[in-house]
Amino acid sequence: MKTILIVEDNALNRQLLEAILDANHYDRLSVDNGSSAVELAISKLPDLILMDIHMVGIDGYTALTMIRANDAAAKIPVIAITGNATLDDRRRMITAGFDDIIKKPYTIDTVLDMISSILGTP
């Protein structure tokens, strides 16, 4: 079974993503901050990371940079989750190394399609 790390500081958004993954037979890990995301990404090596961009402390960009700096975790696909998806925002995310972007508010189908495009079916 594929494991997905959810990194989301908003409890309701995190719970929604957890419910989506649970209902679709993915194993999941969840954290509410970038620092914990880096630690779990390196220690658990999930198959995919869903990363909120705007978080207190270490934001999604910084967390991504730290994950990519670790040889073992560097190849983990990371999808940015953001409410800011202007063309400039999207360019910055892709340039930073995110594999794709999910814009808030999102639908269940959007999340599952994005996961499936990267991981295949659960």
N, C-alpha and C. Protein backbone atom coordinates (compact mmCIF):
# COMPACT_ATOMS: atom_id res chain seq x y z
N MET A 1 0.84 -1.17 0.00
CA MET A 1 0.00 0.00 0.00
C MET A 1 0.89 1.25 0.00
N LYS A 2 0.50 2.25 -0.75
CA LYS A 2 1.26 3.50 -0.86
C LYS A 2 1.02 4.37 0.36
N THR A 3 2.08 5.04 0.82
CA THR A 3 1.99 5.92 1.98
C THR A 3 2.15 7.37 1.52
N ILE A 4 1.23 8.21 2.00
CA ILE A 4 1.24 9.63 1.64
C ILE A 4 1.36 10.45 2.92
N LEU A 5 2.27 11.39 2.91
CA LEU A 5 2.46 12.31 4.03
C LEU A 5 1.67 13.58 3.75
N ILE A 6 0.76 13.91 4.65
CA ILE A 6 -0.02 15.15 4.58
C ILE A 6 0.66 16.18 5.46
N VAL A 7 0.93 17.36 4.90
CA VAL A 7 1.52 18.46 5.66
C VAL A 7 0.55 19.64 5.52
N GLU A 8 -0.22 19.87 6.56
CA GLU A 8 -1.28 20.89 6.50
C GLU A 8 -1.49 21.45 7.90
N ASP A 9 -1.31 22.76 8.06
CA ASP A 9 -1.46 23.36 9.39
C ASP A 9 -2.90 23.64 9.78
N ASN A 10 -3.81 23.65 8.83
CA ASN A 10 -5.22 23.85 9.13
C ASN A 10 -5.85 22.50 9.46
N ALA A 11 -6.34 22.36 10.69
CA ALA A 11 -6.85 21.06 11.16
C ALA A 11 -7.99 20.53 10.29
N LEU A 12 -8.93 21.38 9.88
CA LEU A 12 -10.05 20.91 9.06
C LEU A 12 -9.58 20.44 7.69
N ASN A 13 -8.67 21.17 7.08
CA ASN A 13 -8.12 20.74 5.78
C ASN A 13 -7.34 19.44 5.91
N ARG A 14 -6.57 19.31 6.99
CA ARG A 14 -5.81 18.08 7.23
C ARG A 14 -6.77 16.90 7.42
N GLN A 15 -7.82 17.09 8.20
CA GLN A 15 -8.79 16.01 8.43
C GLN A 15 -9.50 15.62 7.14
N LEU A 16 -9.79 16.58 6.28
CA LEU A 16 -10.42 16.27 5.00
C LEU A 16 -9.49 15.40 4.15
N LEU A 17 -8.22 15.79 4.06
CA LEU A 17 -7.27 14.99 3.29
C LEU A 17 -7.10 13.59 3.90
N GLU A 18 -7.06 13.52 5.21
CA GLU A 18 -6.97 12.21 5.87
C GLU A 18 -8.16 11.34 5.50
N ALA A 19 -9.35 11.91 5.53
CA ALA A 19 -10.56 11.14 5.20
C ALA A 19 -10.54 10.67 3.75
N ILE A 20 -10.08 11.54 2.84
CA ILE A 20 -9.99 11.16 1.43
C ILE A 20 -9.03 9.98 1.27
N LEU A 21 -7.87 10.07 1.90
CA LEU A 21 -6.89 8.99 1.76
C LEU A 21 -7.37 7.70 2.42
N ASP A 22 -7.96 7.82 3.59
CA ASP A 22 -8.47 6.63 4.28
C ASP A 22 -9.53 5.92 3.44
N ALA A 23 -10.45 6.69 2.88
CA ALA A 23 -11.54 6.11 2.09
C ALA A 23 -11.04 5.46 0.80
N ASN A 24 -9.86 5.84 0.38
CA ASN A 24 -9.33 5.32 -0.88
C ASN A 24 -8.11 4.42 -0.69
N HIS A 25 -8.00 3.87 0.52
CA HIS A 25 -7.05 2.80 0.83
C HIS A 25 -5.57 3.18 0.69
N TYR A 26 -5.25 4.41 1.07
CA TYR A 26 -3.85 4.81 1.17
C TYR A 26 -3.45 4.80 2.63
N ASP A 27 -2.22 4.41 2.91
CA ASP A 27 -1.66 4.62 4.23
C ASP A 27 -1.31 6.10 4.28
N ARG A 28 -1.38 6.69 5.46
CA ARG A 28 -1.08 8.11 5.55
C ARG A 28 -0.36 8.45 6.84
N LEU A 29 0.40 9.50 6.74
CA LEU A 29 1.03 10.15 7.88
C LEU A 29 0.56 11.60 7.82
N SER A 30 0.39 12.25 8.96
CA SER A 30 -0.08 13.63 8.97
C SER A 30 0.70 14.45 9.96
N VAL A 31 1.07 15.65 9.55
CA VAL A 31 1.72 16.61 10.43
C VAL A 31 1.15 17.99 10.15
N ASP A 32 1.36 18.89 11.11
CA ASP A 32 0.80 20.23 10.97
C ASP A 32 1.85 21.32 10.79
N ASN A 33 3.10 20.92 10.49
CA ASN A 33 4.14 21.93 10.32
C ASN A 33 5.28 21.40 9.44
N GLY A 34 6.05 22.33 8.90
CA GLY A 34 7.13 21.99 7.99
C GLY A 34 8.27 21.24 8.63
N SER A 35 8.59 21.58 9.88
CA SER A 35 9.68 20.91 10.58
C SER A 35 9.40 19.42 10.75
N SER A 36 8.21 19.10 11.21
CA SER A 36 7.82 17.69 11.36
C SER A 36 7.74 16.99 10.01
N ALA A 37 7.35 17.73 8.97
CA ALA A 37 7.29 17.15 7.63
C ALA A 37 8.67 16.69 7.18
N VAL A 38 9.67 17.52 7.40
CA VAL A 38 11.03 17.17 7.01
C VAL A 38 11.48 15.93 7.77
N GLU A 39 11.26 15.91 9.08
CA GLU A 39 11.66 14.76 9.90
C GLU A 39 11.01 13.47 9.41
N LEU A 40 9.67 13.51 9.19
CA LEU A 40 8.97 12.30 8.75
C LEU A 40 9.34 11.89 7.34
N ALA A 41 9.51 12.85 6.46
CA ALA A 41 9.88 12.52 5.09
C ALA A 41 11.20 11.76 5.06
N ILE A 42 12.15 12.21 5.87
CA ILE A 42 13.47 11.58 5.89
C ILE A 42 13.44 10.23 6.62
N SER A 43 12.69 10.14 7.70
CA SER A 43 12.69 8.90 8.49
C SER A 43 11.76 7.83 7.93
N LYS A 44 10.65 8.22 7.32
CA LYS A 44 9.65 7.24 6.85
C LYS A 44 9.65 7.04 5.34
N LEU A 45 10.21 7.99 4.58
CA LEU A 45 10.27 7.91 3.13
C LEU A 45 8.91 7.55 2.50
N PRO A 46 7.92 8.43 2.66
CA PRO A 46 6.61 8.15 2.06
C PRO A 46 6.71 8.14 0.54
N ASP A 47 5.69 7.60 -0.10
CA ASP A 47 5.66 7.54 -1.56
C ASP A 47 5.32 8.88 -2.19
N LEU A 48 4.65 9.75 -1.43
CA LEU A 48 4.20 11.04 -1.93
C LEU A 48 3.99 11.97 -0.74
N ILE A 49 4.18 13.27 -0.97
CA ILE A 49 3.90 14.27 0.06
C ILE A 49 2.94 15.30 -0.50
N LEU A 50 1.88 15.58 0.27
CA LEU A 50 0.95 16.68 -0.03
C LEU A 50 1.32 17.80 0.91
N MET A 51 1.88 18.91 0.41
CA MET A 51 2.49 19.94 1.23
C MET A 51 1.78 21.28 1.10
N ASP A 52 1.23 21.75 2.21
CA ASP A 52 0.70 23.11 2.25
C ASP A 52 1.87 24.07 2.06
N ILE A 53 1.64 25.18 1.42
CA ILE A 53 2.71 26.15 1.18
C ILE A 53 2.86 27.12 2.34
N HIS A 54 1.76 27.69 2.78
CA HIS A 54 1.82 28.74 3.80
C HIS A 54 1.55 28.16 5.18
N MET A 55 2.64 28.03 5.95
CA MET A 55 2.55 27.52 7.32
C MET A 55 3.42 28.39 8.21
N VAL A 56 3.09 28.44 9.47
CA VAL A 56 3.90 29.17 10.44
C VAL A 56 5.22 28.43 10.63
N GLY A 57 6.28 29.15 10.83
CA GLY A 57 7.60 28.53 11.00
C GLY A 57 8.16 28.17 9.64
N ILE A 58 8.47 26.92 9.44
CA ILE A 58 9.02 26.46 8.16
C ILE A 58 7.88 26.31 7.17
N ASP A 59 7.93 27.12 6.11
CA ASP A 59 6.86 27.05 5.11
C ASP A 59 7.13 25.89 4.14
N GLY A 60 6.21 25.70 3.21
CA GLY A 60 6.33 24.59 2.27
C GLY A 60 7.56 24.66 1.39
N TYR A 61 7.95 25.87 0.98
CA TYR A 61 9.14 26.03 0.16
C TYR A 61 10.39 25.58 0.91
N THR A 62 10.52 26.03 2.14
CA THR A 62 11.70 25.68 2.94
C THR A 62 11.73 24.19 3.24
N ALA A 63 10.56 23.64 3.60
CA ALA A 63 10.48 22.21 3.88
C ALA A 63 10.87 21.40 2.64
N LEU A 64 10.39 21.82 1.48
CA LEU A 64 10.74 21.13 0.24
C LEU A 64 12.25 21.17 0.00
N THR A 65 12.86 22.32 0.19
CA THR A 65 14.31 22.46 0.01
C THR A 65 15.06 21.52 0.94
N MET A 66 14.62 21.42 2.17
CA MET A 66 15.28 20.55 3.15
C MET A 66 15.11 19.08 2.79
N ILE A 67 13.93 18.71 2.31
CA ILE A 67 13.67 17.33 1.89
C ILE A 67 14.53 16.99 0.67
N ARG A 68 14.58 17.88 -0.30
CA ARG A 68 15.36 17.64 -1.52
C ARG A 68 16.86 17.57 -1.23
N ALA A 69 17.30 18.16 -0.13
CA ALA A 69 18.73 18.13 0.24
C ALA A 69 19.16 16.80 0.83
N ASN A 70 18.19 15.96 1.21
CA ASN A 70 18.49 14.65 1.78
C ASN A 70 18.50 13.61 0.67
N ASP A 71 19.60 12.89 0.51
CA ASP A 71 19.73 11.93 -0.59
C ASP A 71 18.60 10.89 -0.60
N ALA A 72 18.23 10.38 0.55
CA ALA A 72 17.21 9.33 0.61
C ALA A 72 15.82 9.85 0.25
N ALA A 73 15.52 11.09 0.63
CA ALA A 73 14.17 11.64 0.44
C ALA A 73 14.04 12.51 -0.80
N ALA A 74 15.13 12.82 -1.45
CA ALA A 74 15.14 13.79 -2.54
C ALA A 74 14.21 13.47 -3.70
N LYS A 75 13.97 12.21 -3.94
CA LYS A 75 13.16 11.81 -5.10
C LYS A 75 11.67 11.64 -4.79
N ILE A 76 11.27 11.87 -3.54
CA ILE A 76 9.85 11.74 -3.18
C ILE A 76 9.07 12.83 -3.91
N PRO A 77 8.02 12.48 -4.66
CA PRO A 77 7.20 13.50 -5.30
C PRO A 77 6.48 14.34 -4.24
N VAL A 78 6.46 15.65 -4.46
CA VAL A 78 5.80 16.57 -3.53
C VAL A 78 4.83 17.44 -4.31
N ILE A 79 3.56 17.40 -3.90
CA ILE A 79 2.52 18.22 -4.50
C ILE A 79 2.24 19.39 -3.57
N ALA A 80 2.32 20.60 -4.11
CA ALA A 80 2.00 21.80 -3.34
C ALA A 80 0.49 21.94 -3.23
N ILE A 81 0.04 22.34 -2.05
CA ILE A 81 -1.37 22.64 -1.83
C ILE A 81 -1.43 24.10 -1.41
N THR A 82 -2.17 24.91 -2.17
CA THR A 82 -2.14 26.35 -1.92
C THR A 82 -3.44 27.04 -2.31
N GLY A 83 -3.69 28.12 -1.64
CA GLY A 83 -4.80 28.99 -2.01
C GLY A 83 -4.35 30.05 -2.99
N ASN A 84 -3.04 30.20 -3.15
CA ASN A 84 -2.47 31.19 -4.06
C ASN A 84 -1.97 30.47 -5.31
N ALA A 85 -2.67 30.63 -6.40
CA ALA A 85 -2.26 29.92 -7.61
C ALA A 85 -2.28 30.83 -8.82
N THR A 86 -1.80 32.06 -8.65
CA THR A 86 -1.63 32.91 -9.81
C THR A 86 -0.55 32.30 -10.68
N LEU A 87 -0.41 32.81 -11.87
CA LEU A 87 0.61 32.29 -12.77
C LEU A 87 2.00 32.44 -12.14
N ASP A 88 2.27 33.58 -11.50
CA ASP A 88 3.56 33.78 -10.84
C ASP A 88 3.76 32.80 -9.69
N ASP A 89 2.70 32.57 -8.90
CA ASP A 89 2.78 31.61 -7.80
C ASP A 89 3.10 30.21 -8.33
N ARG A 90 2.41 29.81 -9.38
CA ARG A 90 2.61 28.48 -9.96
C ARG A 90 4.03 28.33 -10.49
N ARG A 91 4.53 29.37 -11.15
CA ARG A 91 5.91 29.32 -11.66
C ARG A 91 6.89 29.17 -10.51
N ARG A 92 6.67 29.92 -9.43
CA ARG A 92 7.58 29.84 -8.29
C ARG A 92 7.58 28.43 -7.70
N MET A 93 6.39 27.82 -7.58
CA MET A 93 6.29 26.48 -7.02
C MET A 93 7.00 25.44 -7.89
N ILE A 94 6.78 25.51 -9.18
CA ILE A 94 7.41 24.56 -10.09
C ILE A 94 8.93 24.78 -10.11
N THR A 95 9.35 26.03 -10.14
CA THR A 95 10.78 26.34 -10.11
C THR A 95 11.42 25.85 -8.81
N ALA A 96 10.68 25.93 -7.71
CA ALA A 96 11.19 25.47 -6.42
C ALA A 96 11.36 23.96 -6.38
N GLY A 97 10.65 23.24 -7.25
CA GLY A 97 10.81 21.79 -7.31
C GLY A 97 9.58 20.98 -6.97
N PHE A 98 8.44 21.64 -6.77
CA PHE A 98 7.21 20.88 -6.54
C PHE A 98 6.86 20.14 -7.83
N ASP A 99 6.32 18.93 -7.67
CA ASP A 99 5.98 18.11 -8.83
C ASP A 99 4.66 18.51 -9.47
N ASP A 100 3.77 19.06 -8.66
CA ASP A 100 2.50 19.54 -9.18
C ASP A 100 1.86 20.42 -8.12
N ILE A 101 0.68 20.97 -8.44
CA ILE A 101 0.02 21.93 -7.56
C ILE A 101 -1.46 21.62 -7.49
N ILE A 102 -2.00 21.63 -6.28
CA ILE A 102 -3.45 21.55 -6.06
C ILE A 102 -3.88 22.87 -5.45
N LYS A 103 -4.84 23.52 -6.09
CA LYS A 103 -5.33 24.81 -5.61
C LYS A 103 -6.52 24.61 -4.68
N LYS A 104 -6.48 25.32 -3.53
CA LYS A 104 -7.61 25.34 -2.61
C LYS A 104 -8.61 26.37 -3.13
N PRO A 105 -9.89 26.15 -3.00
CA PRO A 105 -10.49 24.90 -2.53
C PRO A 105 -10.42 23.84 -3.63
N TYR A 106 -10.26 22.61 -3.21
CA TYR A 106 -10.12 21.52 -4.16
C TYR A 106 -11.28 20.55 -3.96
N THR A 107 -11.46 19.68 -4.95
CA THR A 107 -12.47 18.64 -4.84
C THR A 107 -11.78 17.32 -4.52
N ILE A 108 -12.54 16.38 -4.06
CA ILE A 108 -12.02 15.04 -3.80
C ILE A 108 -11.43 14.46 -5.09
N ASP A 109 -12.16 14.62 -6.19
CA ASP A 109 -11.69 14.09 -7.46
C ASP A 109 -10.37 14.71 -7.89
N THR A 110 -10.20 16.00 -7.64
CA THR A 110 -8.93 16.66 -7.99
C THR A 110 -7.78 16.03 -7.23
N VAL A 111 -7.96 15.83 -5.93
CA VAL A 111 -6.91 15.24 -5.10
C VAL A 111 -6.60 13.83 -5.57
N LEU A 112 -7.61 13.03 -5.77
CA LEU A 112 -7.40 11.64 -6.18
C LEU A 112 -6.80 11.54 -7.58
N ASP A 113 -7.22 12.40 -8.49
CA ASP A 113 -6.64 12.39 -9.84
C ASP A 113 -5.16 12.74 -9.80
N MET A 114 -4.81 13.73 -8.99
CA MET A 114 -3.42 14.14 -8.88
C MET A 114 -2.57 13.01 -8.27
N ILE A 115 -3.08 12.40 -7.21
CA ILE A 115 -2.36 11.28 -6.60
C ILE A 115 -2.19 10.13 -7.60
N SER A 116 -3.27 9.81 -8.27
CA SER A 116 -3.25 8.71 -9.23
C SER A 116 -2.28 8.98 -10.38
N SER A 117 -2.20 10.24 -10.80
CA SER A 117 -1.29 10.56 -11.91
C SER A 117 0.17 10.36 -11.52
N ILE A 118 0.46 10.49 -10.23
CA ILE A 118 1.83 10.31 -9.77
C ILE A 118 2.11 8.88 -9.29
N LEU A 119 1.16 8.31 -8.55
CA LEU A 119 1.39 7.00 -7.93
C LEU A 119 0.69 5.83 -8.63
N GLY A 120 -0.27 6.11 -9.46
CA GLY A 120 -1.12 5.06 -9.98
C GLY A 120 -2.24 4.80 -8.95
N THR A 121 -2.95 3.72 -9.09
CA THR A 121 -4.06 3.43 -8.18
C THR A 121 -3.53 2.84 -6.88
N PRO A 122 -4.30 3.01 -5.78
CA PRO A 122 -3.83 2.49 -4.48
C PRO A 122 -3.70 0.98 -4.45
